[in-house]
């Protein structure tokens, strides 16, 4: 009888367990990377929305001589559109001849269970 027979069984489990463990670690790293890319893309999208609102307000000022009093004016006359389920846009007018303060707040998306 071969005295190394039992150690081959342990080696066989190690040969299966090690690649499976490595696969799980790589999968977790991939998911974490995708989450971070998604988060960065959401921040960039919110920044672009803020820039778009400001550009439309400046265009209104250049063409009509005043900054609009609210976002509805920009939506109706300048084609501004955004997903109100994803973002809250705070548009605060200081005066008709002063640039408004625009803040875009991303809303957290709800999961399927919420």
C-alpha atoms as a PDB file:
ATOM      1  CA  UNK A   1       0.000   0.000   0.000  1.00  0.00           C
ATOM      2  CA  UNK A   2       1.175   3.506  -0.803  1.00  0.00           C
ATOM      3  CA  UNK A   3       1.725   5.549   2.305  1.00  0.00           C
ATOM      4  CA  UNK A   4       1.107   8.862   0.431  1.00  0.00           C
ATOM      5  CA  UNK A   5      -2.365   7.823  -0.650  1.00  0.00           C
ATOM      6  CA  UNK A   6      -4.203   9.977   1.924  1.00  0.00           C
ATOM      7  CA  UNK A   7      -2.263  13.147   1.121  1.00  0.00           C
ATOM      8  CA  UNK A   8      -3.370  12.947  -2.529  1.00  0.00           C
ATOM      9  CA  UNK A   9      -6.956  13.373  -1.359  1.00  0.00           C
ATOM     10  CA  UNK A  10      -6.051  16.551   0.481  1.00  0.00           C
ATOM     11  CA  UNK A  11      -4.079  17.774  -2.506  1.00  0.00           C
ATOM     12  CA  UNK A  12      -7.081  17.134  -4.744  1.00  0.00           C
ATOM     13  CA  UNK A  13      -9.308  19.291  -2.493  1.00  0.00           C
ATOM     14  CA  UNK A  14      -6.679  22.004  -2.464  1.00  0.00           C
ATOM     15  CA  UNK A  15      -6.476  21.954  -6.265  1.00  0.00           C
ATOM     16  CA  UNK A  16     -10.228  22.515  -6.466  1.00  0.00           C
ATOM     17  CA  UNK A  17     -10.605  24.880  -3.535  1.00  0.00           C
ATOM     18  CA  UNK A  18      -7.770  27.260  -4.409  1.00  0.00           C
ATOM     19  CA  UNK A  19      -9.020  28.196  -7.932  1.00  0.00           C
ATOM     20  CA  UNK A  20     -12.578  28.547  -6.613  1.00  0.00           C
ATOM     21  CA  UNK A  21     -11.381  30.868  -3.864  1.00  0.00           C
ATOM     22  CA  UNK A  22      -9.297  32.865  -6.346  1.00  0.00           C
ATOM     23  CA  UNK A  23     -12.312  33.149  -8.654  1.00  0.00           C
ATOM     24  CA  UNK A  24     -14.470  34.496  -5.802  1.00  0.00           C
ATOM     25  CA  UNK A  25     -11.857  37.104  -4.872  1.00  0.00           C
ATOM     26  CA  UNK A  26     -11.530  38.227  -8.500  1.00  0.00           C
ATOM     27  CA  UNK A  27     -15.319  38.431  -8.828  1.00  0.00           C
ATOM     28  CA  UNK A  28     -15.571  40.609  -5.710  1.00  0.00           C
ATOM     29  CA  UNK A  29     -12.853  42.924  -7.022  1.00  0.00           C
ATOM     30  CA  UNK A  30     -14.665  43.208 -10.357  1.00  0.00           C
ATOM     31  CA  UNK A  31     -17.972  44.054  -8.672  1.00  0.00           C
ATOM     32  CA  UNK A  32     -16.309  46.677  -6.481  1.00  0.00           C
ATOM     33  CA  UNK A  33     -14.700  48.242  -9.550  1.00  0.00           C
ATOM     34  CA  UNK A  34     -18.018  48.354 -11.404  1.00  0.00           C
ATOM     35  CA  UNK A  35     -19.662  49.985  -8.401  1.00  0.00           C
ATOM     36  CA  UNK A  36     -17.005  52.683  -8.255  1.00  0.00           C
ATOM     37  CA  UNK A  37     -17.293  53.366 -12.008  1.00  0.00           C
ATOM     38  CA  UNK A  38     -21.066  53.607 -11.706  1.00  0.00           C
ATOM     39  CA  UNK A  39     -20.764  56.043  -8.806  1.00  0.00           C
ATOM     40  CA  UNK A  40     -18.305  58.223 -10.732  1.00  0.00           C
ATOM     41  CA  UNK A  41     -20.619  58.238 -13.758  1.00  0.00           C
ATOM     42  CA  UNK A  42     -23.561  59.354 -11.598  1.00  0.00           C
ATOM     43  CA  UNK A  43     -21.513  62.228 -10.153  1.00  0.00           C
ATOM     44  CA  UNK A  44     -20.447  63.268 -13.655  1.00  0.00           C
ATOM     45  CA  UNK A  45     -24.049  63.169 -14.866  1.00  0.00           C
ATOM     46  CA  UNK A  46     -25.161  65.431 -11.996  1.00  0.00           C
ATOM     47  CA  UNK A  47     -22.360  67.872 -12.825  1.00  0.00           C
ATOM     48  CA  UNK A  48     -23.396  67.936 -16.489  1.00  0.00           C
ATOM     49  CA  UNK A  49     -27.010  68.622 -15.514  1.00  0.00           C
ATOM     50  CA  UNK A  50     -25.924  71.588 -13.382  1.00  0.00           C
ATOM     51  CA  UNK A  51     -23.830  72.952 -16.259  1.00  0.00           C
ATOM     52  CA  UNK A  52     -26.755  72.548 -18.650  1.00  0.00           C
ATOM     53  CA  UNK A  53     -29.129  74.447 -16.354  1.00  0.00           C
ATOM     54  CA  UNK A  54     -26.597  77.269 -15.994  1.00  0.00           C
ATOM     55  CA  UNK A  55     -25.967  77.407 -19.757  1.00  0.00           C
ATOM     56  CA  UNK A  56     -29.699  77.630 -20.449  1.00  0.00           C
ATOM     57  CA  UNK A  57     -30.061  80.403 -17.839  1.00  0.00           C
ATOM     58  CA  UNK A  58     -27.172  82.351 -19.376  1.00  0.00           C
ATOM     59  CA  UNK A  59     -28.646  81.896 -22.851  1.00  0.00           C
ATOM     60  CA  UNK A  60     -31.964  83.254 -21.570  1.00  0.00           C
ATOM     61  CA  UNK A  61     -30.162  86.240 -20.063  1.00  0.00           C
ATOM     62  CA  UNK A  62     -28.291  86.892 -23.303  1.00  0.00           C
ATOM     63  CA  UNK A  63     -31.423  86.695 -25.457  1.00  0.00           C
ATOM     64  CA  UNK A  64     -34.079  88.163 -23.174  1.00  0.00           C
ATOM     65  CA  UNK A  65     -32.127  90.329 -20.712  1.00  0.00           C
ATOM     66  CA  UNK A  66     -33.075  88.486 -17.500  1.00  0.00           C
ATOM     67  CA  UNK A  67     -32.436  85.215 -15.750  1.00  0.00           C
ATOM     68  CA  UNK A  68     -35.541  83.032 -15.551  1.00  0.00           C
ATOM     69  CA  UNK A  69     -37.402  82.927 -12.241  1.00  0.00           C
ATOM     70  CA  UNK A  70     -37.742  79.132 -12.180  1.00  0.00           C
ATOM     71  CA  UNK A  71     -36.888  75.902 -13.957  1.00  0.00           C
ATOM     72  CA  UNK A  72     -40.312  75.714 -15.601  1.00  0.00           C
ATOM     73  CA  UNK A  73     -39.397  78.697 -17.772  1.00  0.00           C
ATOM     74  CA  UNK A  74     -36.240  76.932 -18.945  1.00  0.00           C
ATOM     75  CA  UNK A  75     -38.191  73.739 -19.602  1.00  0.00           C
ATOM     76  CA  UNK A  76     -40.872  75.536 -21.614  1.00  0.00           C
ATOM     77  CA  UNK A  77     -38.736  77.983 -23.606  1.00  0.00           C
ATOM     78  CA  UNK A  78     -35.256  76.430 -23.791  1.00  0.00           C
ATOM     79  CA  UNK A  79     -35.949  72.700 -23.887  1.00  0.00           C
ATOM     80  CA  UNK A  80     -34.418  71.807 -20.536  1.00  0.00           C
ATOM     81  CA  UNK A  81     -35.319  68.285 -19.475  1.00  0.00           C
ATOM     82  CA  UNK A  82     -34.030  65.978 -16.783  1.00  0.00           C
ATOM     83  CA  UNK A  83     -35.141  62.911 -14.864  1.00  0.00           C
ATOM     84  CA  UNK A  84     -36.826  64.222 -11.718  1.00  0.00           C
ATOM     85  CA  UNK A  85     -36.811  60.690 -10.289  1.00  0.00           C
ATOM     86  CA  UNK A  86     -33.009  60.704 -10.315  1.00  0.00           C
ATOM     87  CA  UNK A  87     -32.217  64.331  -9.419  1.00  0.00           C
ATOM     88  CA  UNK A  88     -33.527  67.243  -7.405  1.00  0.00           C
ATOM     89  CA  UNK A  89     -32.516  70.554  -8.939  1.00  0.00           C
ATOM     90  CA  UNK A  90     -32.444  73.562  -6.638  1.00  0.00           C
ATOM     91  CA  UNK A  91     -32.717  76.773  -8.664  1.00  0.00           C
ATOM     92  CA  UNK A  92     -32.510  79.876  -6.466  1.00  0.00           C
ATOM     93  CA  UNK A  93     -32.933  83.279  -8.064  1.00  0.00           C
ATOM     94  CA  UNK A  94     -31.136  86.172  -6.417  1.00  0.00           C
ATOM     95  CA  UNK A  95     -32.291  88.822  -8.873  1.00  0.00           C
ATOM     96  CA  UNK A  96     -33.277  89.098 -12.514  1.00  0.00           C
ATOM     97  CA  UNK A  97     -29.809  90.393 -13.401  1.00  0.00           C
ATOM     98  CA  UNK A  98     -27.748  88.064 -11.131  1.00  0.00           C
ATOM     99  CA  UNK A  99     -26.764  84.507 -11.955  1.00  0.00           C
ATOM    100  CA  UNK A 100     -28.994  82.023 -10.103  1.00  0.00           C
ATOM    101  CA  UNK A 101     -27.576  79.494  -7.660  1.00  0.00           C
ATOM    102  CA  UNK A 102     -28.027  75.963  -9.044  1.00  0.00           C
ATOM    103  CA  UNK A 103     -27.546  72.806  -7.017  1.00  0.00           C
ATOM    104  CA  UNK A 104     -28.169  69.286  -8.319  1.00  0.00           C
ATOM    105  CA  UNK A 105     -28.770  66.578  -5.744  1.00  0.00           C
ATOM    106  CA  UNK A 106     -28.772  62.970  -6.931  1.00  0.00           C
ATOM    107  CA  UNK A 107     -31.496  60.851  -5.395  1.00  0.00           C
ATOM    108  CA  UNK A 108     -30.529  57.366  -4.253  1.00  0.00           C
ATOM    109  CA  UNK A 109     -32.055  54.713  -6.443  1.00  0.00           C
ATOM    110  CA  UNK A 110     -34.251  52.293  -4.652  1.00  0.00           C
ATOM    111  CA  UNK A 111     -33.676  48.595  -4.972  1.00  0.00           C
ATOM    112  CA  UNK A 112     -36.312  46.098  -6.107  1.00  0.00           C
ATOM    113  CA  UNK A 113     -37.138  45.217  -2.492  1.00  0.00           C
ATOM    114  CA  UNK A 114     -37.813  48.813  -1.358  1.00  0.00           C
END
